[in-house]
Amino acid sequence: MTMISSAEMADSVTQLRAARRLVAERSTADQPLTQAALHLIDCAADVVSRLPAGDLESAREALGSARAAVVSATYAVRRIHDLSRTEDA
């Protein structure tokens, strides 16, 4: 198991919070994809902040799950958007 320090974990949470702030500032909050992205960033920050200090393997597993969730959410939002455009046409 690869070990990381508490400072590195805190830095990861800080980076996630900065990413959330940028997404919120540069996107329209009422768009479903923006809402999904903000929620996923919040979840990722929560998971990282709860990981045992130094457990990089758990962090990697959590990141893999988060990536899968992002892909699924992105597909779902795009599919819903495409279907709504088709129905409006």
N, C-alpha and C. Protein backbone atom coordinates (compact mmCIF):
# COMPACT_ATOMS: atom_id res chain seq x y z
N MET A 1 0.85 -1.18 0.00
CA MET A 1 0.00 0.00 0.00
C MET A 1 0.90 1.24 0.00
N THR A 2 0.61 2.20 -0.90
CA THR A 2 1.34 3.45 -0.96
C THR A 2 0.75 4.42 0.06
N MET A 3 1.61 5.11 0.77
CA MET A 3 1.15 6.01 1.83
C MET A 3 1.22 7.46 1.36
N ILE A 4 0.22 8.24 1.73
CA ILE A 4 0.25 9.67 1.49
C ILE A 4 0.00 10.38 2.81
N SER A 5 0.47 11.58 2.91
CA SER A 5 0.37 12.31 4.17
C SER A 5 -0.99 12.98 4.33
N SER A 6 -1.28 13.36 5.57
CA SER A 6 -2.51 14.10 5.84
C SER A 6 -2.52 15.43 5.09
N ALA A 7 -1.34 16.03 4.94
CA ALA A 7 -1.25 17.31 4.21
C ALA A 7 -1.63 17.12 2.74
N GLU A 8 -1.21 16.01 2.16
CA GLU A 8 -1.57 15.74 0.76
C GLU A 8 -3.07 15.49 0.62
N MET A 9 -3.67 14.81 1.60
CA MET A 9 -5.12 14.58 1.58
C MET A 9 -5.85 15.92 1.68
N ALA A 10 -5.39 16.78 2.59
CA ALA A 10 -6.02 18.09 2.76
C ALA A 10 -5.89 18.90 1.48
N ASP A 11 -4.73 18.79 0.81
CA ASP A 11 -4.52 19.50 -0.44
C ASP A 11 -5.50 19.02 -1.51
N SER A 12 -5.78 17.72 -1.53
CA SER A 12 -6.73 17.17 -2.49
C SER A 12 -8.13 17.73 -2.26
N VAL A 13 -8.53 17.82 -1.00
CA VAL A 13 -9.84 18.39 -0.67
C VAL A 13 -9.88 19.86 -1.08
N THR A 14 -8.81 20.59 -0.84
CA THR A 14 -8.74 21.99 -1.23
C THR A 14 -8.87 22.14 -2.74
N GLN A 15 -8.20 21.27 -3.48
CA GLN A 15 -8.28 21.32 -4.94
C GLN A 15 -9.70 21.00 -5.43
N LEU A 16 -10.35 20.03 -4.81
CA LEU A 16 -11.73 19.71 -5.18
C LEU A 16 -12.66 20.89 -4.90
N ARG A 17 -12.47 21.54 -3.78
CA ARG A 17 -13.30 22.70 -3.44
C ARG A 17 -13.06 23.85 -4.42
N ALA A 18 -11.81 24.02 -4.85
CA ALA A 18 -11.49 25.06 -5.83
C ALA A 18 -12.15 24.72 -7.17
N ALA A 19 -12.12 23.45 -7.55
CA ALA A 19 -12.76 23.02 -8.79
C ALA A 19 -14.26 23.27 -8.73
N ARG A 20 -14.86 22.99 -7.59
CA ARG A 20 -16.30 23.21 -7.42
C ARG A 20 -16.64 24.68 -7.58
N ARG A 21 -15.83 25.53 -6.95
CA ARG A 21 -16.06 26.97 -7.04
C ARG A 21 -15.98 27.45 -8.49
N LEU A 22 -15.00 26.95 -9.24
CA LEU A 22 -14.84 27.35 -10.64
C LEU A 22 -16.02 26.88 -11.49
N VAL A 23 -16.46 25.64 -11.27
CA VAL A 23 -17.62 25.13 -12.03
C VAL A 23 -18.84 25.98 -11.72
N ALA A 24 -19.06 26.28 -10.44
CA ALA A 24 -20.22 27.07 -10.04
C ALA A 24 -20.17 28.48 -10.62
N GLU A 25 -18.99 29.08 -10.65
CA GLU A 25 -18.84 30.45 -11.15
C GLU A 25 -19.00 30.53 -12.66
N ARG A 26 -18.56 29.51 -13.37
CA ARG A 26 -18.50 29.58 -14.83
C ARG A 26 -19.62 28.84 -15.55
N SER A 27 -20.57 28.30 -14.80
CA SER A 27 -21.65 27.55 -15.40
C SER A 27 -22.99 28.09 -14.93
N THR A 28 -24.02 27.73 -15.66
CA THR A 28 -25.37 28.08 -15.24
C THR A 28 -25.84 27.00 -14.29
N ALA A 29 -26.11 27.38 -13.04
CA ALA A 29 -26.42 26.41 -11.99
C ALA A 29 -27.70 25.63 -12.24
N ASP A 30 -28.61 26.18 -13.06
CA ASP A 30 -29.88 25.47 -13.28
C ASP A 30 -29.78 24.39 -14.35
N GLN A 31 -28.63 24.24 -14.99
CA GLN A 31 -28.45 23.20 -15.98
C GLN A 31 -28.20 21.86 -15.29
N PRO A 32 -28.87 20.80 -15.73
CA PRO A 32 -28.72 19.50 -15.07
C PRO A 32 -27.27 19.00 -15.02
N LEU A 33 -26.51 19.22 -16.09
CA LEU A 33 -25.12 18.75 -16.10
C LEU A 33 -24.30 19.50 -15.07
N THR A 34 -24.53 20.79 -14.92
CA THR A 34 -23.82 21.56 -13.91
C THR A 34 -24.19 21.08 -12.52
N GLN A 35 -25.46 20.86 -12.28
CA GLN A 35 -25.89 20.36 -10.97
C GLN A 35 -25.27 19.00 -10.68
N ALA A 36 -25.22 18.13 -11.67
CA ALA A 36 -24.62 16.81 -11.49
C ALA A 36 -23.13 16.94 -11.19
N ALA A 37 -22.44 17.81 -11.93
CA ALA A 37 -21.00 18.00 -11.71
C ALA A 37 -20.73 18.52 -10.30
N LEU A 38 -21.51 19.50 -9.86
CA LEU A 38 -21.32 20.06 -8.52
C LEU A 38 -21.56 19.00 -7.45
N HIS A 39 -22.59 18.19 -7.65
CA HIS A 39 -22.88 17.14 -6.68
C HIS A 39 -21.76 16.10 -6.63
N LEU A 40 -21.25 15.71 -7.79
CA LEU A 40 -20.16 14.73 -7.83
C LEU A 40 -18.89 15.28 -7.20
N ILE A 41 -18.60 16.55 -7.41
CA ILE A 41 -17.43 17.15 -6.76
C ILE A 41 -17.61 17.17 -5.26
N ASP A 42 -18.81 17.51 -4.80
CA ASP A 42 -19.10 17.49 -3.36
C ASP A 42 -18.89 16.08 -2.79
N CYS A 43 -19.38 15.08 -3.50
CA CYS A 43 -19.23 13.69 -3.05
C CYS A 43 -17.76 13.28 -3.00
N ALA A 44 -17.01 13.65 -4.03
CA ALA A 44 -15.59 13.31 -4.06
C ALA A 44 -14.84 13.97 -2.91
N ALA A 45 -15.12 15.23 -2.64
CA ALA A 45 -14.47 15.92 -1.53
C ALA A 45 -14.82 15.26 -0.21
N ASP A 46 -16.07 14.86 -0.06
CA ASP A 46 -16.50 14.19 1.17
C ASP A 46 -15.78 12.87 1.35
N VAL A 47 -15.67 12.08 0.27
CA VAL A 47 -14.99 10.79 0.36
C VAL A 47 -13.52 10.98 0.71
N VAL A 48 -12.85 11.89 0.01
CA VAL A 48 -11.43 12.12 0.26
C VAL A 48 -11.19 12.57 1.69
N SER A 49 -12.05 13.44 2.19
CA SER A 49 -11.85 13.94 3.56
C SER A 49 -12.06 12.86 4.61
N ARG A 50 -12.79 11.79 4.26
CA ARG A 50 -13.06 10.71 5.21
C ARG A 50 -12.08 9.54 5.11
N LEU A 51 -11.24 9.54 4.09
CA LEU A 51 -10.30 8.43 3.93
C LEU A 51 -9.28 8.43 5.07
N PRO A 52 -8.88 7.24 5.48
CA PRO A 52 -7.82 7.18 6.50
C PRO A 52 -6.55 7.81 5.95
N ALA A 53 -5.88 8.58 6.76
CA ALA A 53 -4.64 9.24 6.32
C ALA A 53 -3.66 8.20 5.82
N GLY A 54 -3.12 8.45 4.65
CA GLY A 54 -2.09 7.58 4.10
C GLY A 54 -2.58 6.42 3.27
N ASP A 55 -3.87 6.22 3.11
CA ASP A 55 -4.39 5.07 2.37
C ASP A 55 -4.62 5.44 0.91
N LEU A 56 -3.55 5.45 0.14
CA LEU A 56 -3.64 5.83 -1.27
C LEU A 56 -4.44 4.82 -2.08
N GLU A 57 -4.37 3.55 -1.74
CA GLU A 57 -5.13 2.54 -2.48
C GLU A 57 -6.62 2.79 -2.37
N SER A 58 -7.09 3.13 -1.18
CA SER A 58 -8.52 3.46 -1.00
C SER A 58 -8.87 4.71 -1.79
N ALA A 59 -7.96 5.67 -1.82
CA ALA A 59 -8.19 6.89 -2.58
C ALA A 59 -8.32 6.58 -4.07
N ARG A 60 -7.47 5.69 -4.56
CA ARG A 60 -7.55 5.30 -5.98
C ARG A 60 -8.85 4.59 -6.30
N GLU A 61 -9.29 3.71 -5.39
CA GLU A 61 -10.56 3.01 -5.59
C GLU A 61 -11.73 4.00 -5.59
N ALA A 62 -11.69 4.95 -4.67
CA ALA A 62 -12.75 5.97 -4.60
C ALA A 62 -12.76 6.81 -5.87
N LEU A 63 -11.57 7.16 -6.36
CA LEU A 63 -11.47 7.95 -7.58
C LEU A 63 -12.02 7.17 -8.77
N GLY A 64 -11.74 5.88 -8.84
CA GLY A 64 -12.28 5.05 -9.92
C GLY A 64 -13.80 5.04 -9.90
N SER A 65 -14.36 4.92 -8.70
CA SER A 65 -15.82 4.94 -8.57
C SER A 65 -16.37 6.30 -8.98
N ALA A 66 -15.70 7.36 -8.57
CA ALA A 66 -16.15 8.71 -8.93
C ALA A 66 -16.10 8.92 -10.44
N ARG A 67 -15.05 8.43 -11.07
CA ARG A 67 -14.95 8.56 -12.53
C ARG A 67 -16.09 7.82 -13.22
N ALA A 68 -16.39 6.63 -12.74
CA ALA A 68 -17.50 5.87 -13.33
C ALA A 68 -18.82 6.62 -13.14
N ALA A 69 -18.99 7.23 -11.98
CA ALA A 69 -20.22 7.99 -11.73
C ALA A 69 -20.31 9.19 -12.66
N VAL A 70 -19.19 9.86 -12.89
CA VAL A 70 -19.18 11.03 -13.78
C VAL A 70 -19.55 10.61 -15.20
N VAL A 71 -18.98 9.53 -15.67
CA VAL A 71 -19.28 9.04 -17.02
C VAL A 71 -20.77 8.70 -17.14
N SER A 72 -21.29 7.99 -16.14
CA SER A 72 -22.70 7.61 -16.16
C SER A 72 -23.61 8.84 -16.11
N ALA A 73 -23.29 9.78 -15.24
CA ALA A 73 -24.11 10.98 -15.11
C ALA A 73 -24.06 11.81 -16.39
N THR A 74 -22.89 11.94 -16.97
CA THR A 74 -22.75 12.70 -18.20
C THR A 74 -23.57 12.07 -19.33
N TYR A 75 -23.48 10.75 -19.45
CA TYR A 75 -24.26 10.06 -20.48
C TYR A 75 -25.76 10.27 -20.25
N ALA A 76 -26.20 10.13 -19.01
CA ALA A 76 -27.63 10.26 -18.71
C ALA A 76 -28.13 11.66 -19.05
N VAL A 77 -27.38 12.68 -18.65
CA VAL A 77 -27.80 14.05 -18.92
C VAL A 77 -27.83 14.32 -20.42
N ARG A 78 -26.82 13.88 -21.14
CA ARG A 78 -26.79 14.08 -22.60
C ARG A 78 -27.93 13.34 -23.28
N ARG A 79 -28.21 12.14 -22.81
CA ARG A 79 -29.30 11.34 -23.40
C ARG A 79 -30.64 12.02 -23.17
N ILE A 80 -30.87 12.49 -21.98
CA ILE A 80 -32.12 13.21 -21.67
C ILE A 80 -32.22 14.47 -22.52
N HIS A 81 -31.12 15.19 -22.66
CA HIS A 81 -31.11 16.41 -23.48
C HIS A 81 -31.43 16.07 -24.93
N ASP A 82 -30.81 15.02 -25.47
CA ASP A 82 -31.05 14.62 -26.86
C ASP A 82 -32.51 14.19 -27.06
N LEU A 83 -33.05 13.44 -26.11
CA LEU A 83 -34.44 13.01 -26.22
C LEU A 83 -35.40 14.19 -26.17
N SER A 84 -35.11 15.16 -25.32
CA SER A 84 -36.01 16.32 -25.23
C SER A 84 -35.95 17.16 -26.50
N ARG A 85 -34.78 17.24 -27.13
CA ARG A 85 -34.70 17.97 -28.40
C ARG A 85 -35.44 17.24 -29.50
N THR A 86 -35.38 15.91 -29.51
CA THR A 86 -36.09 15.11 -30.50
C THR A 86 -37.59 15.27 -30.36
N GLU A 87 -38.06 15.28 -29.10
CA GLU A 87 -39.50 15.41 -28.84
C GLU A 87 -39.99 16.81 -29.22
N ASP A 88 -39.15 17.82 -29.08
CA ASP A 88 -39.54 19.19 -29.40
C ASP A 88 -39.57 19.45 -30.91
N ALA A 89 -38.86 18.61 -31.67
CA ALA A 89 -38.76 18.82 -33.11
C ALA A 89 -39.99 18.37 -33.84
